[in-house]
Amino acid sequence: MKIYHKRIKGDGRGGFWGDFGEIDMGWSYGEISQENIFPGEKIHYHKTGTTYFLGLAGVGLIEVEGERVELIKDMLLRIDPGEKYRVLTPRKIPFTWIVVCTSKDPKEKVVIE
């Protein structure tokens, strides 16, 4: 058995569990509130990993392959390997979510811009 405690991301907008090489899946937590405005992220994709976004609270806008999707509470969004995506902005604050990627290999994430 191994227990992983959440670590805060450098930008303070969420957290993650397990480092590269320590865990075989990516687990992250994101939160955008009025005090913590999100600047957006770069479009990227994963070569082999499938990414799952689970909406926990609020509403957020996520771009997948050029299409804008509103992630709401209790909605699970699946992004397949090779599909380009990014979190754009919250629509209803606070916007919180959990992301699970089936790969935690830093070499398989490709940033487009």
PDB file of N, CA and C in Angstrom:
ATOM      1  N   MET A   1       0.841  -1.173   0.000  1.00  0.00           N
ATOM      2  CA  MET A   1       0.000   0.000   0.000  1.00  0.00           C
ATOM      3  C   MET A   1       0.886   1.235   0.000  1.00  0.00           C
ATOM      4  N   LYS A   2       0.423   2.271  -0.678  1.00  0.00           N
ATOM      5  CA  LYS A   2       1.120   3.560  -0.721  1.00  0.00           C
ATOM      6  C   LYS A   2       0.066   4.656  -0.670  1.00  0.00           C
ATOM      7  N   ILE A   3       0.266   5.644   0.172  1.00  0.00           N
ATOM      8  CA  ILE A   3      -0.654   6.778   0.285  1.00  0.00           C
ATOM      9  C   ILE A   3       0.033   8.004  -0.290  1.00  0.00           C
ATOM     10  N   TYR A   4      -0.681   8.725  -1.148  1.00  0.00           N
ATOM     11  CA  TYR A   4      -0.171   9.951  -1.747  1.00  0.00           C
ATOM     12  C   TYR A   4      -0.995  11.118  -1.226  1.00  0.00           C
ATOM     13  N   HIS A   5      -0.330  12.141  -0.744  1.00  0.00           N
ATOM     14  CA  HIS A   5      -1.011  13.344  -0.278  1.00  0.00           C
ATOM     15  C   HIS A   5      -0.944  14.405  -1.365  1.00  0.00           C
ATOM     16  N   LYS A   6      -1.987  15.192  -1.470  1.00  0.00           N
ATOM     17  CA  LYS A   6      -2.042  16.248  -2.480  1.00  0.00           C
ATOM     18  C   LYS A   6      -0.941  17.270  -2.240  1.00  0.00           C
ATOM     19  N   ARG A   7      -0.267  17.633  -3.324  1.00  0.00           N
ATOM     20  CA  ARG A   7       0.732  18.698  -3.285  1.00  0.00           C
ATOM     21  C   ARG A   7       0.194  19.878  -4.086  1.00  0.00           C
ATOM     22  N   ILE A   8       0.483  21.066  -3.652  1.00  0.00           N
ATOM     23  CA  ILE A   8      -0.001  22.265  -4.326  1.00  0.00           C
ATOM     24  C   ILE A   8       0.863  22.560  -5.546  1.00  0.00           C
ATOM     25  N   LYS A   9       0.210  22.883  -6.670  1.00  0.00           N
ATOM     26  CA  LYS A   9       0.929  23.269  -7.886  1.00  0.00           C
ATOM     27  C   LYS A   9       1.615  24.607  -7.658  1.00  0.00           C
ATOM     28  N   GLY A  10       2.669  24.861  -8.408  1.00  0.00           N
ATOM     29  CA  GLY A  10       3.450  26.086  -8.267  1.00  0.00           C
ATOM     30  C   GLY A  10       2.650  27.360  -8.462  1.00  0.00           C
ATOM     31  N   ASP A  11       1.594  27.309  -9.300  1.00  0.00           N
ATOM     32  CA  ASP A  11       0.809  28.513  -9.547  1.00  0.00           C
ATOM     33  C   ASP A  11      -0.308  28.695  -8.520  1.00  0.00           C
ATOM     34  N   GLY A  12      -0.457  27.744  -7.593  1.00  0.00           N
ATOM     35  CA  GLY A  12      -1.457  27.851  -6.534  1.00  0.00           C
ATOM     36  C   GLY A  12      -2.883  27.590  -6.958  1.00  0.00           C
ATOM     37  N   ARG A  13      -3.115  27.142  -8.199  1.00  0.00           N
ATOM     38  CA  ARG A  13      -4.473  26.935  -8.687  1.00  0.00           C
ATOM     39  C   ARG A  13      -4.974  25.512  -8.555  1.00  0.00           C
ATOM     40  N   GLY A  14      -4.298  24.698  -7.830  1.00  0.00           N
ATOM     41  CA  GLY A  14      -4.749  23.321  -7.683  1.00  0.00           C
ATOM     42  C   GLY A  14      -3.656  22.467  -7.108  1.00  0.00           C
ATOM     43  N   GLY A  15      -3.764  21.188  -7.334  1.00  0.00           N
ATOM     44  CA  GLY A  15      -2.783  20.278  -6.778  1.00  0.00           C
ATOM     45  C   GLY A  15      -2.670  19.021  -7.615  1.00  0.00           C
ATOM     46  N   PHE A  16      -1.792  18.130  -7.153  1.00  0.00           N
ATOM     47  CA  PHE A  16      -1.587  16.870  -7.859  1.00  0.00           C
ATOM     48  C   PHE A  16      -1.153  15.818  -6.844  1.00  0.00           C
ATOM     49  N   TRP A  17      -1.205  14.573  -7.264  1.00  0.00           N
ATOM     50  CA  TRP A  17      -0.793  13.441  -6.434  1.00  0.00           C
ATOM     51  C   TRP A  17       0.265  12.653  -7.190  1.00  0.00           C
ATOM     52  N   GLY A  18       1.429  12.453  -6.610  1.00  0.00           N
ATOM     53  CA  GLY A  18       2.490  11.642  -7.204  1.00  0.00           C
ATOM     54  C   GLY A  18       3.306  12.359  -8.254  1.00  0.00           C
ATOM     55  N   ASP A  19       4.621  12.176  -8.190  1.00  0.00           N
ATOM     56  CA  ASP A  19       5.531  12.760  -9.174  1.00  0.00           C
ATOM     57  C   ASP A  19       5.726  11.822 -10.363  1.00  0.00           C
ATOM     58  N   PHE A  20       6.382  12.353 -11.422  1.00  0.00           N
ATOM     59  CA  PHE A  20       6.747  11.512 -12.565  1.00  0.00           C
ATOM     60  C   PHE A  20       7.661  10.394 -12.073  1.00  0.00           C
ATOM     61  N   GLY A  21       7.434   9.192 -12.554  1.00  0.00           N
ATOM     62  CA  GLY A  21       8.227   8.048 -12.149  1.00  0.00           C
ATOM     63  C   GLY A  21       7.800   7.438 -10.831  1.00  0.00           C
ATOM     64  N   GLU A  22       6.933   8.119 -10.106  1.00  0.00           N
ATOM     65  CA  GLU A  22       6.480   7.638  -8.803  1.00  0.00           C
ATOM     66  C   GLU A  22       5.101   6.987  -8.901  1.00  0.00           C
ATOM     67  N   ILE A  23       4.325   7.404  -9.869  1.00  0.00           N
ATOM     68  CA  ILE A  23       2.950   6.937 -10.020  1.00  0.00           C
ATOM     69  C   ILE A  23       2.687   6.779 -11.520  1.00  0.00           C
ATOM     70  N   ASP A  24       1.872   5.811 -11.913  1.00  0.00           N
ATOM     71  CA  ASP A  24       1.711   5.527 -13.343  1.00  0.00           C
ATOM     72  C   ASP A  24       0.524   6.229 -14.000  1.00  0.00           C
ATOM     73  N   MET A  25      -0.244   7.004 -13.231  1.00  0.00           N
ATOM     74  CA  MET A  25      -1.357   7.782 -13.778  1.00  0.00           C
ATOM     75  C   MET A  25      -1.244   9.205 -13.254  1.00  0.00           C
ATOM     76  N   GLY A  26      -1.695  10.163 -14.052  1.00  0.00           N
ATOM     77  CA  GLY A  26      -1.690  11.556 -13.608  1.00  0.00           C
ATOM     78  C   GLY A  26      -2.984  11.895 -12.890  1.00  0.00           C
ATOM     79  N   TRP A  27      -2.895  12.424 -11.685  1.00  0.00           N
ATOM     80  CA  TRP A  27      -4.055  12.844 -10.891  1.00  0.00           C
ATOM     81  C   TRP A  27      -3.847  14.306 -10.523  1.00  0.00           C
ATOM     82  N   SER A  28      -4.749  15.176 -10.939  1.00  0.00           N
ATOM     83  CA  SER A  28      -4.627  16.605 -10.649  1.00  0.00           C
ATOM     84  C   SER A  28      -5.971  17.166 -10.195  1.00  0.00           C
ATOM     85  N   TYR A  29      -5.875  18.263  -9.470  1.00  0.00           N
ATOM     86  CA  TYR A  29      -7.046  18.987  -8.978  1.00  0.00           C
ATOM     87  C   TYR A  29      -6.894  20.436  -9.407  1.00  0.00           C
ATOM     88  N   GLY A  30      -7.952  21.030  -9.939  1.00  0.00           N
ATOM     89  CA  GLY A  30      -7.898  22.433 -10.335  1.00  0.00           C
ATOM     90  C   GLY A  30      -9.008  23.218  -9.683  1.00  0.00           C
ATOM     91  N   GLU A  31      -8.717  24.470  -9.397  1.00  0.00           N
ATOM     92  CA  GLU A  31      -9.715  25.347  -8.786  1.00  0.00           C
ATOM     93  C   GLU A  31      -9.495  26.774  -9.268  1.00  0.00           C
ATOM     94  N   ILE A  32     -10.566  27.405  -9.729  1.00  0.00           N
ATOM     95  CA  ILE A  32     -10.521  28.798 -10.138  1.00  0.00           C
ATOM     96  C   ILE A  32     -11.597  29.526  -9.336  1.00  0.00           C
ATOM     97  N   SER A  33     -11.161  30.537  -8.591  1.00  0.00           N
ATOM     98  CA  SER A  33     -12.096  31.350  -7.820  1.00  0.00           C
ATOM     99  C   SER A  33     -11.869  32.816  -8.180  1.00  0.00           C
ATOM    100  N   GLN A  34     -12.659  33.691  -7.634  1.00  0.00           N
ATOM    101  CA  GLN A  34     -12.514  35.120  -7.939  1.00  0.00           C
ATOM    102  C   GLN A  34     -11.140  35.629  -7.526  1.00  0.00           C
ATOM    103  N   GLU A  35     -10.616  35.114  -6.440  1.00  0.00           N
ATOM    104  CA  GLU A  35      -9.308  35.541  -5.976  1.00  0.00           C
ATOM    105  C   GLU A  35      -8.180  34.909  -6.786  1.00  0.00           C
ATOM    106  N   ASN A  36      -8.495  33.916  -7.572  1.00  0.00           N
ATOM    107  CA  ASN A  36      -7.481  33.119  -8.258  1.00  0.00           C
ATOM    108  C   ASN A  36      -7.857  32.999  -9.732  1.00  0.00           C
ATOM    109  N   ILE A  37      -7.751  34.086 -10.482  1.00  0.00           N
ATOM    110  CA  ILE A  37      -8.155  34.095 -11.887  1.00  0.00           C
ATOM    111  C   ILE A  37      -7.194  33.234 -12.718  1.00  0.00           C
ATOM    112  N   PHE A  38      -7.759  32.437 -13.595  1.00  0.00           N
ATOM    113  CA  PHE A  38      -6.994  31.487 -14.406  1.00  0.00           C
ATOM    114  C   PHE A  38      -6.607  32.135 -15.739  1.00  0.00           C
ATOM    115  N   PRO A  39      -5.333  32.166 -16.088  1.00  0.00           N
ATOM    116  CA  PRO A  39      -4.912  32.788 -17.345  1.00  0.00           C
ATOM    117  C   PRO A  39      -5.130  31.902 -18.572  1.00  0.00           C
ATOM    118  N   GLY A  40      -5.635  30.695 -18.383  1.00  0.00           N
ATOM    119  CA  GLY A  40      -5.773  29.745 -19.488  1.00  0.00           C
ATOM    120  C   GLY A  40      -4.523  28.899 -19.593  1.00  0.00           C
ATOM    121  N   GLU A  41      -4.548  27.918 -20.451  1.00  0.00           N
ATOM    122  CA  GLU A  41      -3.361  27.077 -20.631  1.00  0.00           C
ATOM    123  C   GLU A  41      -3.121  26.849 -22.108  1.00  0.00           C
ATOM    124  N   LYS A  42      -1.967  26.332 -22.439  1.00  0.00           N
ATOM    125  CA  LYS A  42      -1.604  26.090 -23.828  1.00  0.00           C
ATOM    126  C   LYS A  42      -2.286  24.830 -24.350  1.00  0.00           C
ATOM    127  N   ILE A  43      -2.628  24.866 -25.633  1.00  0.00           N
ATOM    128  CA  ILE A  43      -3.210  23.683 -26.269  1.00  0.00           C
ATOM    129  C   ILE A  43      -2.160  22.574 -26.252  1.00  0.00           C
ATOM    130  N   HIS A  44      -2.601  21.387 -25.874  1.00  0.00           N
ATOM    131  CA  HIS A  44      -1.687  20.246 -25.831  1.00  0.00           C
ATOM    132  C   HIS A  44      -2.469  18.957 -26.036  1.00  0.00           C
ATOM    133  N   TYR A  45      -1.743  17.870 -26.185  1.00  0.00           N
ATOM    134  CA  TYR A  45      -2.367  16.553 -26.282  1.00  0.00           C
ATOM    135  C   TYR A  45      -1.426  15.534 -25.677  1.00  0.00           C
ATOM    136  N   HIS A  46      -1.944  14.337 -25.470  1.00  0.00           N
ATOM    137  CA  HIS A  46      -1.140  13.226 -24.961  1.00  0.00           C
ATOM    138  C   HIS A  46      -1.058  12.170 -26.052  1.00  0.00           C
ATOM    139  N   LYS A  47       0.131  11.650 -26.266  1.00  0.00           N
ATOM    140  CA  LYS A  47       0.344  10.649 -27.316  1.00  0.00           C
ATOM    141  C   LYS A  47      -0.386   9.340 -27.016  1.00  0.00           C
ATOM    142  N   THR A  48      -0.322   8.893 -25.753  1.00  0.00           N
ATOM    143  CA  THR A  48      -0.906   7.589 -25.399  1.00  0.00           C
ATOM    144  C   THR A  48      -1.937   7.673 -24.286  1.00  0.00           C
ATOM    145  N   GLY A  49      -1.928   8.729 -23.512  1.00  0.00           N
ATOM    146  CA  GLY A  49      -2.813   8.821 -22.345  1.00  0.00           C
ATOM    147  C   GLY A  49      -4.196   9.344 -22.679  1.00  0.00           C
ATOM    148  N   THR A  50      -5.207   8.728 -22.085  1.00  0.00           N
ATOM    149  CA  THR A  50      -6.572   9.229 -22.143  1.00  0.00           C
ATOM    150  C   THR A  50      -6.770  10.114 -20.915  1.00  0.00           C
ATOM    151  N   THR A  51      -7.390  11.281 -21.107  1.00  0.00           N
ATOM    152  CA  THR A  51      -7.574  12.246 -20.036  1.00  0.00           C
ATOM    153  C   THR A  51      -9.056  12.348 -19.692  1.00  0.00           C
ATOM    154  N   TYR A  52      -9.354  12.334 -18.399  1.00  0.00           N
ATOM    155  CA  TYR A  52     -10.726  12.447 -17.913  1.00  0.00           C
ATOM    156  C   TYR A  52     -10.838  13.660 -17.008  1.00  0.00           C
ATOM    157  N   PHE A  53     -11.765  14.566 -17.316  1.00  0.00           N
ATOM    158  CA  PHE A  53     -12.082  15.714 -16.473  1.00  0.00           C
ATOM    159  C   PHE A  53     -13.395  15.429 -15.765  1.00  0.00           C
ATOM    160  N   LEU A  54     -13.414  15.559 -14.440  1.00  0.00           N
ATOM    161  CA  LEU A  54     -14.632  15.403 -13.654  1.00  0.00           C
ATOM    162  C   LEU A  54     -14.959  16.746 -13.015  1.00  0.00           C
ATOM    163  N   GLY A  55     -16.108  17.325 -13.376  1.00  0.00           N
ATOM    164  CA  GLY A  55     -16.539  18.592 -12.802  1.00  0.00           C
ATOM    165  C   GLY A  55     -17.025  18.390 -11.374  1.00  0.00           C
ATOM    166  N   LEU A  56     -16.499  19.190 -10.453  1.00  0.00           N
ATOM    167  CA  LEU A  56     -16.888  19.089  -9.040  1.00  0.00           C
ATOM    168  C   LEU A  56     -17.801  20.226  -8.605  1.00  0.00           C
ATOM    169  N   ALA A  57     -17.570  21.434  -9.141  1.00  0.00           N
ATOM    170  CA  ALA A  57     -18.390  22.602  -8.781  1.00  0.00           C
ATOM    171  C   ALA A  57     -18.251  23.654  -9.862  1.00  0.00           C
ATOM    172  N   GLY A  58     -19.262  24.491  -9.989  1.00  0.00           N
ATOM    173  CA  GLY A  58     -19.228  25.573 -10.960  1.00  0.00           C
ATOM    174  C   GLY A  58     -19.315  25.069 -12.380  1.00  0.00           C
ATOM    175  N   VAL A  59     -18.899  25.929 -13.310  1.00  0.00           N
ATOM    176  CA  VAL A  59     -18.910  25.610 -14.738  1.00  0.00           C
ATOM    177  C   VAL A  59     -17.628  26.164 -15.346  1.00  0.00           C
ATOM    178  N   GLY A  60     -16.972  25.358 -16.163  1.00  0.00           N
ATOM    179  CA  GLY A  60     -15.751  25.799 -16.824  1.00  0.00           C
ATOM    180  C   GLY A  60     -15.782  25.496 -18.302  1.00  0.00           C
ATOM    181  N   LEU A  61     -15.070  26.293 -19.058  1.00  0.00           N
ATOM    182  CA  LEU A  61     -15.004  26.133 -20.501  1.00  0.00           C
ATOM    183  C   LEU A  61     -13.700  25.444 -20.880  1.00  0.00           C
ATOM    184  N   ILE A  62     -13.820  24.313 -21.584  1.00  0.00           N
ATOM    185  CA  ILE A  62     -12.671  23.540 -22.037  1.00  0.00           C
ATOM    186  C   ILE A  62     -12.760  23.410 -23.552  1.00  0.00           C
ATOM    187  N   GLU A  63     -11.661  23.662 -24.220  1.00  0.00           N
ATOM    188  CA  GLU A  63     -11.605  23.520 -25.676  1.00  0.00           C
ATOM    189  C   GLU A  63     -11.008  22.170 -26.021  1.00  0.00           C
ATOM    190  N   VAL A  64     -11.731  21.392 -26.850  1.00  0.00           N
ATOM    191  CA  VAL A  64     -11.263  20.088 -27.307  1.00  0.00           C
ATOM    192  C   VAL A  64     -11.401  20.063 -28.823  1.00  0.00           C
ATOM    193  N   GLU A  65     -10.253  19.935 -29.510  1.00  0.00           N
ATOM    194  CA  GLU A  65     -10.243  19.889 -30.978  1.00  0.00           C
ATOM    195  C   GLU A  65     -11.019  21.069 -31.577  1.00  0.00           C
ATOM    196  N   GLY A  66     -10.851  22.269 -30.994  1.00  0.00           N
ATOM    197  CA  GLY A  66     -11.502  23.471 -31.508  1.00  0.00           C
ATOM    198  C   GLY A  66     -12.934  23.664 -31.066  1.00  0.00           C
ATOM    199  N   GLU A  67     -13.531  22.681 -30.413  1.00  0.00           N
ATOM    200  CA  GLU A  67     -14.909  22.784 -29.928  1.00  0.00           C
ATOM    201  C   GLU A  67     -14.902  23.158 -28.453  1.00  0.00           C
ATOM    202  N   ARG A  68     -15.762  24.091 -28.064  1.00  0.00           N
ATOM    203  CA  ARG A  68     -15.841  24.525 -26.674  1.00  0.00           C
ATOM    204  C   ARG A  68     -16.898  23.714 -25.935  1.00  0.00           C
ATOM    205  N   VAL A  69     -16.479  23.141 -24.812  1.00  0.00           N
ATOM    206  CA  VAL A  69     -17.346  22.294 -24.007  1.00  0.00           C
ATOM    207  C   VAL A  69     -17.463  22.923 -22.621  1.00  0.00           C
ATOM    208  N   GLU A  70     -18.696  23.062 -22.112  1.00  0.00           N
ATOM    209  CA  GLU A  70     -18.886  23.538 -20.752  1.00  0.00           C
ATOM    210  C   GLU A  70     -18.899  22.337 -19.809  1.00  0.00           C
ATOM    211  N   LEU A  71     -17.894  22.270 -18.950  1.00  0.00           N
ATOM    212  CA  LEU A  71     -17.811  21.196 -17.959  1.00  0.00           C
ATOM    213  C   LEU A  71     -18.584  21.646 -16.735  1.00  0.00           C
ATOM    214  N   ILE A  72     -19.588  20.868 -16.355  1.00  0.00           N
ATOM    215  CA  ILE A  72     -20.432  21.200 -15.206  1.00  0.00           C
ATOM    216  C   ILE A  72     -20.253  20.155 -14.110  1.00  0.00           C
ATOM    217  N   LYS A  73     -20.790  20.456 -12.947  1.00  0.00           N
ATOM    218  CA  LYS A  73     -20.700  19.540 -11.808  1.00  0.00           C
ATOM    219  C   LYS A  73     -21.259  18.161 -12.183  1.00  0.00           C
ATOM    220  N   ASP A  74     -20.552  17.135 -11.788  1.00  0.00           N
ATOM    221  CA  ASP A  74     -20.925  15.732 -11.999  1.00  0.00           C
ATOM    222  C   ASP A  74     -20.841  15.267 -13.454  1.00  0.00           C
ATOM    223  N   MET A  75     -20.252  16.066 -14.332  1.00  0.00           N
ATOM    224  CA  MET A  75     -20.046  15.677 -15.729  1.00  0.00           C
ATOM    225  C   MET A  75     -18.629  15.133 -15.870  1.00  0.00           C
ATOM    226  N   LEU A  76     -18.489  14.037 -16.618  1.00  0.00           N
ATOM    227  CA  LEU A  76     -17.187  13.443 -16.898  1.00  0.00           C
ATOM    228  C   LEU A  76     -16.902  13.613 -18.388  1.00  0.00           C
ATOM    229  N   LEU A  77     -15.798  14.275 -18.706  1.00  0.00           N
ATOM    230  CA  LEU A  77     -15.383  14.523 -20.081  1.00  0.00           C
ATOM    231  C   LEU A  77     -14.165  13.666 -20.382  1.00  0.00           C
ATOM    232  N   ARG A  78     -14.237  12.862 -21.438  1.00  0.00           N
ATOM    233  CA  ARG A  78     -13.112  12.015 -21.840  1.00  0.00           C
ATOM    234  C   ARG A  78     -12.443  12.629 -23.064  1.00  0.00           C
ATOM    235  N   ILE A  79     -11.113  12.732 -23.008  1.00  0.00           N
ATOM    236  CA  ILE A  79     -10.332  13.237 -24.128  1.00  0.00           C
ATOM    237  C   ILE A  79      -9.358  12.132 -24.522  1.00  0.00           C
ATOM    238  N   ASP A  80      -9.487  11.659 -25.740  1.00  0.00           N
ATOM    239  CA  ASP A  80      -8.697  10.528 -26.210  1.00  0.00           C
ATOM    240  C   ASP A  80      -7.281  10.952 -26.612  1.00  0.00           C
ATOM    241  N   PRO A  81      -6.339   9.994 -26.661  1.00  0.00           N
ATOM    242  CA  PRO A  81      -4.972  10.315 -27.097  1.00  0.00           C
ATOM    243  C   PRO A  81      -4.996  11.013 -28.456  1.00  0.00           C
ATOM    244  N   GLY A  82      -4.164  12.044 -28.598  1.00  0.00           N
ATOM    245  CA  GLY A  82      -4.077  12.777 -29.851  1.00  0.00           C
ATOM    246  C   GLY A  82      -5.049  13.936 -29.976  1.00  0.00           C
ATOM    247  N   GLU A  83      -6.105  13.974 -29.154  1.00  0.00           N
ATOM    248  CA  GLU A  83      -7.048  15.094 -29.205  1.00  0.00           C
ATOM    249  C   GLU A  83      -6.446  16.294 -28.477  1.00  0.00           C
ATOM    250  N   LYS A  84      -6.394  17.425 -29.164  1.00  0.00           N
ATOM    251  CA  LYS A  84      -5.808  18.643 -28.607  1.00  0.00           C
ATOM    252  C   LYS A  84      -6.831  19.340 -27.714  1.00  0.00           C
ATOM    253  N   TYR A  85      -6.367  19.798 -26.532  1.00  0.00           N
ATOM    254  CA  TYR A  85      -7.295  20.444 -25.599  1.00  0.00           C
ATOM    255  C   TYR A  85      -6.585  21.441 -24.696  1.00  0.00           C
ATOM    256  N   ARG A  86      -7.410  22.253 -24.020  1.00  0.00           N
ATOM    257  CA  ARG A  86      -6.938  23.178 -22.990  1.00  0.00           C
ATOM    258  C   ARG A  86      -8.123  23.680 -22.171  1.00  0.00           C
ATOM    259  N   VAL A  87      -7.860  24.024 -20.933  1.00  0.00           N
ATOM    260  CA  VAL A  87      -8.854  24.678 -20.088  1.00  0.00           C
ATOM    261  C   VAL A  87      -8.797  26.160 -20.438  1.00  0.00           C
ATOM    262  N   LEU A  88      -9.953  26.753 -20.757  1.00  0.00           N
ATOM    263  CA  LEU A  88      -9.978  28.150 -21.176  1.00  0.00           C
ATOM    264  C   LEU A  88     -10.274  29.109 -20.023  1.00  0.00           C
ATOM    265  N   THR A  89     -11.460  28.983 -19.433  1.00  0.00           N
ATOM    266  CA  THR A  89     -11.888  29.963 -18.436  1.00  0.00           C
ATOM    267  C   THR A  89     -13.085  29.418 -17.652  1.00  0.00           C
ATOM    268  N   PRO A  90     -13.323  29.933 -16.458  1.00  0.00           N
ATOM    269  CA  PRO A  90     -14.535  29.538 -15.738  1.00  0.00           C
ATOM    270  C   PRO A  90     -15.747  30.281 -16.300  1.00  0.00           C
ATOM    271  N   ARG A  91     -16.905  29.669 -16.207  1.00  0.00           N
ATOM    272  CA  ARG A  91     -18.176  30.309 -16.565  1.00  0.00           C
ATOM    273  C   ARG A  91     -18.969  30.617 -15.298  1.00  0.00           C
ATOM    274  N   LYS A  92     -18.792  29.772 -14.273  1.00  0.00           N
ATOM    275  CA  LYS A  92     -19.433  29.978 -12.976  1.00  0.00           C
ATOM    276  C   LYS A  92     -18.397  29.649 -11.909  1.00  0.00           C
ATOM    277  N   ILE A  93     -18.108  30.622 -11.060  1.00  0.00           N
ATOM    278  CA  ILE A  93     -17.063  30.506 -10.040  1.00  0.00           C
ATOM    279  C   ILE A  93     -17.699  30.149  -8.708  1.00  0.00           C
ATOM    280  N   PRO A  94     -17.064  29.351  -7.875  1.00  0.00           N
ATOM    281  CA  PRO A  94     -15.786  28.697  -8.139  1.00  0.00           C
ATOM    282  C   PRO A  94     -15.963  27.509  -9.083  1.00  0.00           C
ATOM    283  N   PHE A  95     -14.984  27.326  -9.944  1.00  0.00           N
ATOM    284  CA  PHE A  95     -14.957  26.181 -10.853  1.00  0.00           C
ATOM    285  C   PHE A  95     -13.875  25.243 -10.343  1.00  0.00           C
ATOM    286  N   THR A  96     -14.260  24.024  -9.992  1.00  0.00           N
ATOM    287  CA  THR A  96     -13.302  23.031  -9.508  1.00  0.00           C
ATOM    288  C   THR A  96     -13.486  21.728 -10.271  1.00  0.00           C
ATOM    289  N   TRP A  97     -12.377  21.022 -10.455  1.00  0.00           N
ATOM    290  CA  TRP A  97     -12.410  19.778 -11.212  1.00  0.00           C
ATOM    291  C   TRP A  97     -11.255  18.878 -10.794  1.00  0.00           C
ATOM    292  N   ILE A  98     -11.387  17.609 -11.144  1.00  0.00           N
ATOM    293  CA  ILE A  98     -10.304  16.642 -11.011  1.00  0.00           C
ATOM    294  C   ILE A  98     -10.001  16.116 -12.411  1.00  0.00           C
ATOM    295  N   VAL A  99      -8.709  15.962 -12.712  1.00  0.00           N
ATOM    296  CA  VAL A  99      -8.269  15.401 -13.995  1.00  0.00           C
ATOM    297  C   VAL A  99      -7.480  14.137 -13.715  1.00  0.00           C
ATOM    298  N   VAL A 100      -7.800  13.079 -14.453  1.00  0.00           N
ATOM    299  CA  VAL A 100      -7.033  11.841 -14.389  1.00  0.00           C
ATOM    300  C   VAL A 100      -6.551  11.537 -15.804  1.00  0.00           C
ATOM    301  N   CYS A 101      -5.247  11.328 -15.950  1.00  0.00           N
ATOM    302  CA  CYS A 101      -4.680  10.928 -17.238  1.00  0.00           C
ATOM    303  C   CYS A 101      -4.093   9.533 -17.057  1.00  0.00           C
ATOM    304  N   THR A 102      -4.363   8.656 -17.998  1.00  0.00           N
ATOM    305  CA  THR A 102      -3.925   7.264 -17.864  1.00  0.00           C
ATOM    306  C   THR A 102      -2.426   7.090 -18.034  1.00  0.00           C
ATOM    307  N   SER A 103      -1.706   8.174 -18.312  1.00  0.00           N
ATOM    308  CA  SER A 103      -0.244   8.126 -18.409  1.00  0.00           C
ATOM    309  C   SER A 103       0.365   9.229 -17.550  1.00  0.00           C
ATOM    310  N   LYS A 104       1.478   8.956 -16.927  1.00  0.00           N
ATOM    311  CA  LYS A 104       2.205   9.958 -16.141  1.00  0.00           C
ATOM    312  C   LYS A 104       3.627  10.100 -16.680  1.00  0.00           C
ATOM    313  N   ASP A 105       3.816   9.800 -17.955  1.00  0.00           N
ATOM    314  CA  ASP A 105       5.120   9.923 -18.611  1.00  0.00           C
ATOM    315  C   ASP A 105       5.262  11.342 -19.161  1.00  0.00           C
ATOM    316  N   PRO A 106       6.256  12.114 -18.696  1.00  0.00           N
ATOM    317  CA  PRO A 106       6.387  13.494 -19.162  1.00  0.00           C
ATOM    318  C   PRO A 106       6.709  13.615 -20.654  1.00  0.00           C
ATOM    319  N   LYS A 107       7.212  12.551 -21.276  1.00  0.00           N
ATOM    320  CA  LYS A 107       7.568  12.587 -22.693  1.00  0.00           C
ATOM    321  C   LYS A 107       6.370  12.434 -23.616  1.00  0.00           C
ATOM    322  N   GLU A 108       5.223  12.013 -23.073  1.00  0.00           N
ATOM    323  CA  GLU A 108       4.078  11.772 -23.959  1.00  0.00           C
ATOM    324  C   GLU A 108       3.132  12.961 -24.057  1.00  0.00           C
ATOM    325  N   LYS A 109       3.367  14.018 -23.294  1.00  0.00           N
ATOM    326  CA  LYS A 109       2.575  15.247 -23.413  1.00  0.00           C
ATOM    327  C   LYS A 109       3.240  16.160 -24.439  1.00  0.00           C
ATOM    328  N   VAL A 110       2.443  16.630 -25.415  1.00  0.00           N
ATOM    329  CA  VAL A 110       2.963  17.479 -26.475  1.00  0.00           C
ATOM    330  C   VAL A 110       2.233  18.827 -26.423  1.00  0.00           C
ATOM    331  N   VAL A 111       2.985  19.902 -26.180  1.00  0.00           N
ATOM    332  CA  VAL A 111       2.418  21.255 -26.129  1.00  0.00           C
ATOM    333  C   VAL A 111       2.477  21.857 -27.528  1.00  0.00           C
ATOM    334  N   ILE A 112       1.341  22.393 -27.993  1.00  0.00           N
ATOM    335  CA  ILE A 112       1.229  22.928 -29.342  1.00  0.00           C
ATOM    336  C   ILE A 112       1.630  24.400 -29.403  1.00  0.00           C
ATOM    337  N   GLU A 113       1.149  25.207 -28.464  1.00  0.00           N
ATOM    338  CA  GLU A 113       1.460  26.642 -28.508  1.00  0.00           C
ATOM    339  C   GLU A 113       2.010  27.141 -27.205  1.00  0.00           C
TER     340      GLU A 113
END
